[in-house]
Amino acid sequence: MTKSMKAVRDRKTDNRRISQNMEKAFKKMAQVFGYPNREYKDRVFRMLLKEPKVALEVYNAMNGTSYDNPDELIITTLENAVYLGMKNDVSFILGTQLVLYEH
């Protein structure tokens, strides 16, 4: 077996292990917090985060950053877009980073 074939096999094994660990973590979280309520409405969440100032405050709080100019934030939320069965709730670009929030 060549080095490249071994590297591919090792990567597949690592990816499988990561996937299994994520599935276990999700099941544990679901036991503690319960499963998501798909009937819960997210209108207020989307309405608030459409405002660049509020979106910037949320981003700073979640990432431990201190951006202070909402004009640097570009809202990129797609209206009525569905990706992998989930609706695109809120997205924006800040600096070189695309940020997606799903309620």
N, C-alpha and C. Protein backbone atom coordinates (compact mmCIF):
# COMPACT_ATOMS: atom_id res chain seq x y z
N MET A 1 0.85 -1.18 0.00
CA MET A 1 0.00 0.00 0.00
C MET A 1 0.90 1.24 0.00
N THR A 2 0.60 2.17 -0.89
CA THR A 2 1.41 3.38 -0.98
C THR A 2 1.06 4.34 0.16
N LYS A 3 1.92 5.34 0.35
CA LYS A 3 1.68 6.33 1.40
C LYS A 3 0.39 7.11 1.16
N SER A 4 0.13 7.45 -0.12
CA SER A 4 -1.07 8.23 -0.41
C SER A 4 -2.34 7.41 -0.17
N MET A 5 -2.29 6.10 -0.48
CA MET A 5 -3.46 5.24 -0.23
C MET A 5 -3.69 5.11 1.27
N LYS A 6 -2.61 4.99 2.03
CA LYS A 6 -2.72 4.90 3.49
C LYS A 6 -3.28 6.20 4.06
N ALA A 7 -2.84 7.34 3.53
CA ALA A 7 -3.33 8.64 4.01
C ALA A 7 -4.82 8.79 3.75
N VAL A 8 -5.28 8.35 2.58
CA VAL A 8 -6.71 8.42 2.25
C VAL A 8 -7.51 7.53 3.20
N ARG A 9 -7.01 6.30 3.43
CA ARG A 9 -7.69 5.38 4.35
C ARG A 9 -7.76 5.96 5.76
N ASP A 10 -6.64 6.54 6.20
CA ASP A 10 -6.60 7.14 7.54
C ASP A 10 -7.57 8.31 7.66
N ARG A 11 -7.66 9.13 6.61
CA ARG A 11 -8.58 10.26 6.61
C ARG A 11 -10.02 9.78 6.69
N LYS A 12 -10.35 8.74 5.94
CA LYS A 12 -11.72 8.19 5.98
C LYS A 12 -12.03 7.66 7.37
N THR A 13 -11.05 6.99 7.97
CA THR A 13 -11.25 6.46 9.32
C THR A 13 -11.45 7.60 10.31
N ASP A 14 -10.66 8.66 10.19
CA ASP A 14 -10.80 9.82 11.07
C ASP A 14 -12.16 10.48 10.89
N ASN A 15 -12.59 10.66 9.65
CA ASN A 15 -13.90 11.26 9.38
C ASN A 15 -15.03 10.43 9.96
N ARG A 16 -14.92 9.11 9.83
CA ARG A 16 -15.95 8.21 10.39
C ARG A 16 -16.00 8.34 11.91
N ARG A 17 -14.82 8.41 12.53
CA ARG A 17 -14.75 8.53 13.99
C ARG A 17 -15.33 9.87 14.44
N ILE A 18 -15.02 10.94 13.74
CA ILE A 18 -15.56 12.26 14.07
C ILE A 18 -17.08 12.25 13.94
N SER A 19 -17.58 11.66 12.86
CA SER A 19 -19.02 11.58 12.65
C SER A 19 -19.71 10.81 13.77
N GLN A 20 -19.12 9.71 14.18
CA GLN A 20 -19.69 8.91 15.26
C GLN A 20 -19.68 9.68 16.57
N ASN A 21 -18.59 10.40 16.84
CA ASN A 21 -18.51 11.20 18.06
C ASN A 21 -19.54 12.32 18.07
N MET A 22 -19.74 12.96 16.91
CA MET A 22 -20.74 14.02 16.83
C MET A 22 -22.14 13.46 17.05
N GLU A 23 -22.41 12.30 16.50
CA GLU A 23 -23.72 11.68 16.69
C GLU A 23 -23.95 11.35 18.17
N LYS A 24 -22.94 10.81 18.84
CA LYS A 24 -23.05 10.52 20.27
C LYS A 24 -23.29 11.80 21.07
N ALA A 25 -22.55 12.86 20.71
CA ALA A 25 -22.71 14.14 21.42
C ALA A 25 -24.11 14.69 21.23
N PHE A 26 -24.65 14.59 20.01
CA PHE A 26 -26.00 15.08 19.76
C PHE A 26 -27.02 14.29 20.59
N LYS A 27 -26.85 12.98 20.65
CA LYS A 27 -27.79 12.16 21.43
C LYS A 27 -27.74 12.52 22.91
N LYS A 28 -26.54 12.78 23.42
CA LYS A 28 -26.41 13.17 24.83
C LYS A 28 -27.08 14.53 25.07
N MET A 29 -26.85 15.48 24.15
CA MET A 29 -27.47 16.80 24.29
C MET A 29 -28.99 16.69 24.22
N ALA A 30 -29.49 15.83 23.34
CA ALA A 30 -30.93 15.65 23.21
C ALA A 30 -31.52 15.06 24.49
N GLN A 31 -30.77 14.16 25.16
CA GLN A 31 -31.24 13.60 26.42
C GLN A 31 -31.33 14.68 27.49
N VAL A 32 -30.36 15.59 27.50
CA VAL A 32 -30.33 16.63 28.52
C VAL A 32 -31.33 17.74 28.21
N PHE A 33 -31.30 18.25 26.98
CA PHE A 33 -32.09 19.42 26.62
C PHE A 33 -33.39 19.09 25.89
N GLY A 34 -33.53 17.88 25.43
CA GLY A 34 -34.70 17.51 24.63
C GLY A 34 -34.44 17.78 23.16
N TYR A 35 -35.30 17.26 22.34
CA TYR A 35 -35.16 17.46 20.89
C TYR A 35 -35.73 18.81 20.50
N PRO A 36 -35.23 19.39 19.40
CA PRO A 36 -35.73 20.70 18.97
C PRO A 36 -37.21 20.66 18.65
N ASN A 37 -37.89 21.71 19.03
CA ASN A 37 -39.31 21.84 18.72
C ASN A 37 -39.42 22.52 17.35
N ARG A 38 -39.74 21.75 16.33
CA ARG A 38 -39.78 22.27 14.96
C ARG A 38 -40.98 23.20 14.74
N GLU A 39 -41.90 23.23 15.67
CA GLU A 39 -43.07 24.09 15.54
C GLU A 39 -42.83 25.48 16.12
N TYR A 40 -41.71 25.67 16.82
CA TYR A 40 -41.40 26.94 17.45
C TYR A 40 -41.09 27.97 16.37
N LYS A 41 -41.65 29.13 16.49
CA LYS A 41 -41.48 30.17 15.48
C LYS A 41 -40.22 30.98 15.75
N ASP A 42 -39.54 31.34 14.68
CA ASP A 42 -38.29 32.07 14.81
C ASP A 42 -38.38 33.49 14.25
N ARG A 43 -39.57 34.01 14.12
CA ARG A 43 -39.75 35.33 13.50
C ARG A 43 -39.04 36.45 14.26
N VAL A 44 -39.13 36.43 15.58
CA VAL A 44 -38.51 37.49 16.38
C VAL A 44 -36.98 37.42 16.23
N PHE A 45 -36.44 36.22 16.27
CA PHE A 45 -35.00 36.02 16.09
C PHE A 45 -34.55 36.61 14.75
N ARG A 46 -35.24 36.27 13.68
CA ARG A 46 -34.87 36.77 12.35
C ARG A 46 -35.07 38.28 12.25
N MET A 47 -36.16 38.79 12.84
CA MET A 47 -36.45 40.22 12.78
C MET A 47 -35.35 41.03 13.48
N LEU A 48 -34.93 40.58 14.66
CA LEU A 48 -33.90 41.30 15.41
C LEU A 48 -32.56 41.27 14.70
N LEU A 49 -32.19 40.11 14.18
CA LEU A 49 -30.86 39.99 13.58
C LEU A 49 -30.79 40.54 12.15
N LYS A 50 -31.87 41.08 11.65
CA LYS A 50 -31.80 41.78 10.36
C LYS A 50 -31.20 43.17 10.54
N GLU A 51 -31.18 43.65 11.78
CA GLU A 51 -30.58 44.94 12.09
C GLU A 51 -29.08 44.76 12.29
N PRO A 52 -28.24 45.42 11.49
CA PRO A 52 -26.79 45.24 11.61
C PRO A 52 -26.24 45.50 13.01
N LYS A 53 -26.79 46.50 13.71
CA LYS A 53 -26.29 46.81 15.06
C LYS A 53 -26.53 45.64 16.01
N VAL A 54 -27.72 45.06 15.96
CA VAL A 54 -28.06 43.93 16.83
C VAL A 54 -27.24 42.70 16.43
N ALA A 55 -27.13 42.45 15.13
CA ALA A 55 -26.36 41.30 14.66
C ALA A 55 -24.90 41.41 15.12
N LEU A 56 -24.36 42.62 15.08
CA LEU A 56 -22.98 42.83 15.52
C LEU A 56 -22.84 42.58 17.02
N GLU A 57 -23.81 43.00 17.80
CA GLU A 57 -23.78 42.76 19.25
C GLU A 57 -23.82 41.26 19.54
N VAL A 58 -24.67 40.54 18.84
CA VAL A 58 -24.77 39.08 19.04
C VAL A 58 -23.46 38.42 18.64
N TYR A 59 -22.91 38.82 17.50
CA TYR A 59 -21.64 38.25 17.04
C TYR A 59 -20.53 38.50 18.07
N ASN A 60 -20.43 39.72 18.55
CA ASN A 60 -19.41 40.04 19.56
C ASN A 60 -19.58 39.20 20.82
N ALA A 61 -20.82 39.05 21.26
CA ALA A 61 -21.09 38.28 22.48
C ALA A 61 -20.73 36.81 22.30
N MET A 62 -21.02 36.27 21.14
CA MET A 62 -20.78 34.84 20.91
C MET A 62 -19.32 34.52 20.60
N ASN A 63 -18.57 35.50 20.12
CA ASN A 63 -17.20 35.23 19.69
C ASN A 63 -16.14 35.95 20.53
N GLY A 64 -16.55 36.69 21.53
CA GLY A 64 -15.59 37.39 22.38
C GLY A 64 -14.81 38.46 21.63
N THR A 65 -15.44 39.07 20.64
CA THR A 65 -14.78 40.12 19.86
C THR A 65 -15.34 41.48 20.28
N SER A 66 -14.79 42.53 19.69
CA SER A 66 -15.26 43.88 20.06
C SER A 66 -15.40 44.77 18.83
N TYR A 67 -16.01 44.24 17.77
CA TYR A 67 -16.30 45.07 16.60
C TYR A 67 -17.28 46.15 17.03
N ASP A 68 -17.10 47.37 16.50
CA ASP A 68 -17.99 48.45 16.93
C ASP A 68 -18.62 49.22 15.78
N ASN A 69 -18.34 48.85 14.53
CA ASN A 69 -18.90 49.57 13.40
C ASN A 69 -19.88 48.68 12.62
N PRO A 70 -21.19 48.89 12.82
CA PRO A 70 -22.17 48.05 12.12
C PRO A 70 -22.12 48.20 10.60
N ASP A 71 -21.48 49.26 10.11
CA ASP A 71 -21.37 49.44 8.66
C ASP A 71 -20.43 48.42 8.02
N GLU A 72 -19.58 47.76 8.82
CA GLU A 72 -18.68 46.72 8.32
C GLU A 72 -19.42 45.41 8.09
N LEU A 73 -20.62 45.30 8.58
CA LEU A 73 -21.40 44.07 8.51
C LEU A 73 -22.34 44.12 7.30
N ILE A 74 -22.32 43.09 6.48
CA ILE A 74 -23.18 43.03 5.29
C ILE A 74 -24.18 41.88 5.48
N ILE A 75 -25.45 42.20 5.58
CA ILE A 75 -26.49 41.17 5.73
C ILE A 75 -26.61 40.41 4.41
N THR A 76 -26.53 39.07 4.49
CA THR A 76 -26.60 38.23 3.29
C THR A 76 -27.67 37.16 3.40
N THR A 77 -28.63 37.34 4.28
CA THR A 77 -29.70 36.36 4.47
C THR A 77 -30.48 36.19 3.18
N LEU A 78 -30.69 34.95 2.78
CA LEU A 78 -31.48 34.65 1.59
C LEU A 78 -32.93 34.44 2.02
N GLU A 79 -33.83 35.19 1.46
CA GLU A 79 -35.24 35.03 1.80
C GLU A 79 -35.79 33.77 1.14
N ASN A 80 -36.53 32.99 1.90
CA ASN A 80 -37.19 31.78 1.42
C ASN A 80 -36.23 30.77 0.82
N ALA A 81 -34.99 30.71 1.32
CA ALA A 81 -34.03 29.73 0.83
C ALA A 81 -33.98 28.55 1.79
N VAL A 82 -33.92 27.36 1.25
CA VAL A 82 -33.84 26.16 2.07
C VAL A 82 -32.56 25.43 1.67
N TYR A 83 -31.75 25.08 2.68
CA TYR A 83 -30.50 24.38 2.44
C TYR A 83 -30.49 23.14 3.31
N LEU A 84 -30.41 21.98 2.69
CA LEU A 84 -30.40 20.70 3.39
C LEU A 84 -31.57 20.57 4.37
N GLY A 85 -32.71 21.04 3.96
CA GLY A 85 -33.90 20.90 4.79
C GLY A 85 -34.03 21.93 5.89
N MET A 86 -33.08 22.88 5.99
CA MET A 86 -33.16 23.93 7.01
C MET A 86 -33.28 25.27 6.31
N LYS A 87 -34.06 26.14 6.87
CA LYS A 87 -34.20 27.47 6.31
C LYS A 87 -33.02 28.33 6.75
N ASN A 88 -32.56 29.17 5.85
CA ASN A 88 -31.46 30.08 6.15
C ASN A 88 -32.03 31.23 6.98
N ASP A 89 -31.90 31.18 8.30
CA ASP A 89 -32.50 32.19 9.17
C ASP A 89 -31.78 33.53 9.06
N VAL A 90 -30.49 33.55 9.36
CA VAL A 90 -29.75 34.81 9.36
C VAL A 90 -28.33 34.52 8.88
N SER A 91 -27.85 35.36 7.98
CA SER A 91 -26.45 35.26 7.58
C SER A 91 -25.93 36.65 7.27
N PHE A 92 -24.63 36.82 7.53
CA PHE A 92 -24.00 38.09 7.21
C PHE A 92 -22.51 37.89 7.04
N ILE A 93 -21.88 38.87 6.43
CA ILE A 93 -20.43 38.85 6.25
C ILE A 93 -19.85 39.93 7.14
N LEU A 94 -18.81 39.56 7.87
CA LEU A 94 -18.09 40.50 8.72
C LEU A 94 -16.61 40.28 8.49
N GLY A 95 -15.95 41.26 7.92
CA GLY A 95 -14.55 41.09 7.55
C GLY A 95 -14.45 40.08 6.42
N THR A 96 -13.75 38.99 6.65
CA THR A 96 -13.61 37.94 5.64
C THR A 96 -14.39 36.69 6.02
N GLN A 97 -15.28 36.81 6.98
CA GLN A 97 -15.99 35.65 7.50
C GLN A 97 -17.47 35.69 7.18
N LEU A 98 -18.00 34.58 6.66
CA LEU A 98 -19.43 34.43 6.46
C LEU A 98 -20.01 33.79 7.71
N VAL A 99 -20.99 34.43 8.32
CA VAL A 99 -21.58 33.97 9.58
C VAL A 99 -23.01 33.54 9.31
N LEU A 100 -23.37 32.32 9.74
CA LEU A 100 -24.72 31.79 9.58
C LEU A 100 -25.28 31.47 10.95
N TYR A 101 -26.48 31.96 11.23
CA TYR A 101 -27.16 31.61 12.48
C TYR A 101 -28.46 30.93 12.15
N GLU A 102 -28.68 29.79 12.75
CA GLU A 102 -29.91 29.04 12.56
C GLU A 102 -30.60 28.97 13.91
N HIS A 103 -31.85 29.38 13.96
CA HIS A 103 -32.59 29.40 15.22
C HIS A 103 -32.93 28.00 15.64
